[in-house]
Amino acid sequence: MSLSKHVIKEDDFNTIIDPETKKEVPIESAVGKQVIKNYLTCLKEGPESNNIVSTKMFYNNKPTINIKGKCKGCGKNVYSNEERVKKMGDYYHDRCLATNTMQITNTQNMGMTKGQCGGCGKPVFSTQERVNLGGVYYHEKCELKKPVEPRITTTNIVNKTQNMGSIKGKCGGCHHEVYSTQPRVNKSGVYYHEKCYTK
């Protein structure tokens, strides 16, 4: 079969063999272009030419991973191959910044803190339904769960006082009476209910 009858198609030359590594590489890739340059240099200057460039450098292109800094969200290292954000000179993992922003936004949406709930102990915010009883804030739902205290009568007071023993003094913590039958602490002449002193 003569060469004149053989039709060469453009698609026949999409790849080229790299003689140094014996790998088939795309002609349009960086290594493919270097192989062609090396072939041409070899034809012009000979196989011992100093202008032939090794193609091995094209196969060692592993990206270098380094530490960018400490994440202000979680305190762990932020690496160069991770999704990250630099904000006001500080690095954040993308996920940590999203969480941090959400927490700040949630707190801002809740308003200012009015105090600790006397029922559940969690913060009571100005935007929440709340009740103030004797200077102590309660979430409305927590206040509703409080047990209803029995109505105080003279008989109840007498019976209760007899069962509690004698009054030792006013508690330095809650300012209610401290009875002789209650666990208590005397600090510099001031009585405290044990639970009030440990607070």
Protein backbone atom coordinates (compact mmCIF):
# COMPACT_ATOMS: atom_id res chain seq x y z
CA MET A 1 0.00 0.00 0.00
CA SER A 2 1.51 3.32 -1.08
CA LEU A 3 1.72 6.34 1.20
CA SER A 4 -0.18 8.44 -1.32
CA LYS A 5 -3.28 6.31 -0.77
CA HIS A 6 -2.97 6.38 3.06
CA VAL A 7 -5.01 9.20 4.54
CA ILE A 8 -3.59 10.58 7.79
CA LYS A 9 -6.31 11.83 10.12
CA GLU A 10 -5.77 14.62 12.63
CA ASP A 11 -7.11 12.36 15.40
CA ASP A 12 -4.16 9.99 14.88
CA PHE A 13 -1.85 12.49 16.61
CA ASN A 14 -3.54 13.28 19.93
CA THR A 15 -0.89 11.55 22.02
CA ILE A 16 2.86 11.02 21.91
CA ILE A 17 5.19 8.59 23.69
CA ASP A 18 7.58 10.16 26.17
CA PRO A 19 10.85 8.25 25.50
CA GLU A 20 12.19 9.01 28.96
CA THR A 21 9.29 7.49 30.91
CA LYS A 22 7.72 5.30 28.17
CA LYS A 23 4.35 6.90 28.99
CA GLU A 24 1.78 7.94 26.41
CA VAL A 25 0.91 11.59 27.06
CA PRO A 26 -1.43 14.10 25.37
CA ILE A 27 0.37 16.29 22.82
CA GLU A 28 -1.36 19.43 24.21
CA SER A 29 -0.13 18.76 27.77
CA ALA A 30 2.99 20.45 29.15
CA VAL A 31 4.94 17.19 29.06
CA GLY A 32 3.72 16.44 25.49
CA LYS A 33 4.92 19.84 24.27
CA GLN A 34 8.30 19.27 25.94
CA VAL A 35 8.65 15.85 24.27
CA ILE A 36 8.11 17.48 20.85
CA LYS A 37 10.66 20.19 21.66
CA ASN A 38 13.14 17.49 22.71
CA TYR A 39 12.57 15.56 19.44
CA LEU A 40 13.20 18.70 17.39
CA THR A 41 16.33 19.56 19.43
CA CYS A 42 17.57 16.01 18.99
CA LEU A 43 17.11 16.26 15.19
CA LYS A 44 18.91 19.61 15.02
CA GLU A 45 21.66 19.19 17.61
CA GLY A 46 21.93 15.45 18.17
CA PRO A 47 20.91 13.18 21.08
CA GLU A 48 23.75 14.44 23.30
CA SER A 49 22.57 18.08 23.18
CA ASN A 50 22.55 20.02 26.47
CA ASN A 51 19.27 21.66 25.37
CA ILE A 52 17.24 18.46 25.81
CA VAL A 53 15.12 18.90 28.96
CA SER A 54 14.20 15.97 31.22
CA THR A 55 10.45 15.38 31.34
CA LYS A 56 10.57 13.76 34.80
CA MET A 57 9.93 17.12 36.44
CA PHE A 58 6.41 17.10 34.93
CA TYR A 59 5.52 13.97 36.90
CA ASN A 60 6.54 15.28 40.34
CA ASN A 61 3.99 18.06 40.59
CA LYS A 62 2.50 17.09 43.94
CA PRO A 63 1.18 20.28 45.55
CA THR A 64 3.00 21.34 48.69
CA ILE A 65 0.69 21.44 51.70
CA ASN A 66 1.62 23.92 54.39
CA ILE A 67 0.05 25.38 57.52
CA LYS A 68 -1.57 28.79 56.98
CA GLY A 69 -2.23 29.42 60.68
CA LYS A 70 -4.49 28.43 63.59
CA CYS A 71 -8.26 28.49 63.12
CA LYS A 72 -9.88 31.08 65.41
CA GLY A 73 -13.00 28.90 65.51
CA CYS A 74 -11.70 25.48 66.59
CA GLY A 75 -8.03 26.24 67.39
CA LYS A 76 -6.70 23.55 65.01
CA ASN A 77 -4.26 24.09 62.13
CA VAL A 78 -5.61 25.47 58.85
CA TYR A 79 -3.83 23.81 55.90
CA SER A 80 -3.30 25.25 52.43
CA ASN A 81 -5.34 22.45 50.80
CA GLU A 82 -8.43 23.14 52.98
CA GLU A 83 -11.38 25.43 52.33
CA ARG A 84 -10.57 28.48 54.44
CA VAL A 85 -11.37 32.13 55.03
CA LYS A 86 -9.04 34.87 56.24
CA LYS A 87 -10.95 37.47 58.20
CA MET A 88 -9.35 40.49 59.90
CA GLY A 89 -5.96 38.72 59.74
CA ASP A 90 -7.27 35.49 61.30
CA TYR A 91 -7.79 32.18 59.51
CA TYR A 92 -10.96 30.11 59.86
CA HIS A 93 -11.88 26.75 58.42
CA ASP A 94 -14.81 27.45 56.12
CA ARG A 95 -17.05 25.25 58.30
CA CYS A 96 -15.86 26.91 61.54
CA LEU A 97 -16.55 30.42 60.26
CA ALA A 98 -20.06 29.37 59.23
CA THR A 99 -20.72 27.92 62.72
CA ASN A 100 -19.17 30.94 64.47
CA THR A 101 -21.24 33.39 62.38
CA MET A 102 -24.41 31.41 63.08
CA GLN A 103 -23.76 31.48 66.86
CA ILE A 104 -23.10 35.25 66.83
CA THR A 105 -26.20 35.87 64.71
CA ASN A 106 -28.34 33.69 67.00
CA THR A 107 -27.12 35.56 70.10
CA GLN A 108 -27.75 38.93 68.43
CA ASN A 109 -31.25 37.78 67.46
CA MET A 110 -31.93 36.77 71.08
CA GLY A 111 -31.20 40.27 72.38
CA MET A 112 -29.41 41.05 75.64
CA THR A 113 -29.18 38.67 78.58
CA LYS A 114 -31.50 39.62 81.46
CA GLY A 115 -30.04 37.04 83.86
CA GLN A 116 -30.06 33.34 84.66
CA CYS A 117 -33.42 31.57 84.78
CA GLY A 118 -34.39 30.62 88.34
CA GLY A 119 -35.95 27.44 86.94
CA CYS A 120 -33.61 25.90 84.35
CA GLY A 121 -30.46 27.99 85.00
CA LYS A 122 -30.06 28.97 81.33
CA PRO A 123 -29.77 32.61 80.18
CA VAL A 124 -32.99 34.60 79.87
CA PHE A 125 -32.86 36.93 76.85
CA SER A 126 -34.71 40.21 76.38
CA THR A 127 -36.58 38.84 73.34
CA GLN A 128 -37.97 35.84 75.26
CA GLU A 129 -41.24 35.59 77.16
CA ARG A 130 -40.18 35.95 80.79
CA VAL A 131 -41.36 36.58 84.33
CA ASN A 132 -39.51 38.53 87.04
CA LEU A 133 -40.30 37.22 90.52
CA GLY A 134 -38.55 39.01 93.36
CA GLY A 135 -35.68 40.07 91.12
CA VAL A 136 -35.20 36.58 89.68
CA TYR A 137 -36.00 36.03 86.00
CA TYR A 138 -37.77 32.91 84.77
CA HIS A 139 -38.54 31.78 81.25
CA GLU A 140 -42.32 31.86 81.09
CA LYS A 141 -42.44 28.10 80.49
CA CYS A 142 -40.08 27.47 83.47
CA GLU A 143 -42.13 29.70 85.78
CA LEU A 144 -45.28 27.77 84.85
CA LYS A 145 -43.56 24.50 85.85
CA LYS A 146 -42.73 25.79 89.34
CA PRO A 147 -44.70 23.95 92.05
CA VAL A 148 -47.43 26.14 93.52
CA GLU A 149 -46.53 26.97 97.10
CA PRO A 150 -49.27 26.36 99.67
CA ARG A 151 -51.08 29.38 101.01
CA ILE A 152 -49.42 30.54 104.25
CA THR A 153 -51.62 30.64 107.30
CA THR A 154 -50.81 31.30 110.96
CA THR A 155 -51.24 27.60 111.77
CA ASN A 156 -48.84 26.64 108.95
CA ILE A 157 -46.23 29.12 110.22
CA VAL A 158 -46.44 27.81 113.82
CA ASN A 159 -46.24 24.14 112.71
CA LYS A 160 -43.45 24.84 110.27
CA THR A 161 -41.43 26.81 112.85
CA GLN A 162 -41.79 24.05 115.45
CA ASN A 163 -40.57 21.43 112.94
CA MET A 164 -37.63 23.60 111.85
CA GLY A 165 -36.31 24.20 115.38
CA SER A 166 -35.09 27.58 116.61
CA ILE A 167 -34.00 30.45 114.36
CA LYS A 168 -30.22 30.92 114.32
CA GLY A 169 -30.33 34.15 112.30
CA LYS A 170 -30.79 35.54 108.78
CA CYS A 171 -28.93 33.83 105.93
CA GLY A 172 -26.15 36.00 104.49
CA GLY A 173 -27.01 34.61 101.04
CA CYS A 174 -30.81 34.56 100.59
CA HIS A 175 -31.73 36.65 103.72
CA HIS A 176 -34.31 34.10 104.92
CA GLU A 177 -34.22 32.59 108.42
CA VAL A 178 -31.66 29.87 109.14
CA TYR A 179 -33.13 27.23 111.46
CA SER A 180 -31.27 25.00 113.89
CA THR A 181 -32.44 21.85 112.07
CA GLN A 182 -31.07 22.99 108.69
CA PRO A 183 -27.59 22.29 107.33
CA ARG A 184 -25.79 25.61 107.82
CA VAL A 185 -22.47 27.42 107.92
CA ASN A 186 -21.39 30.15 110.31
CA LYS A 187 -18.87 32.42 108.65
CA SER A 188 -17.56 35.28 110.82
CA GLY A 189 -20.76 35.33 112.86
CA VAL A 190 -23.06 35.29 109.80
CA TYR A 191 -25.18 32.21 109.17
CA TYR A 192 -25.68 30.76 105.70
CA HIS A 193 -27.87 27.92 104.52
CA GLU A 194 -25.39 25.31 103.30
CA LYS A 195 -26.81 25.54 99.75
CA CYS A 196 -26.54 29.36 99.81
CA TYR A 197 -22.93 29.29 101.03
CA THR A 198 -21.76 26.89 98.33
CA LYS A 199 -23.19 29.06 95.52
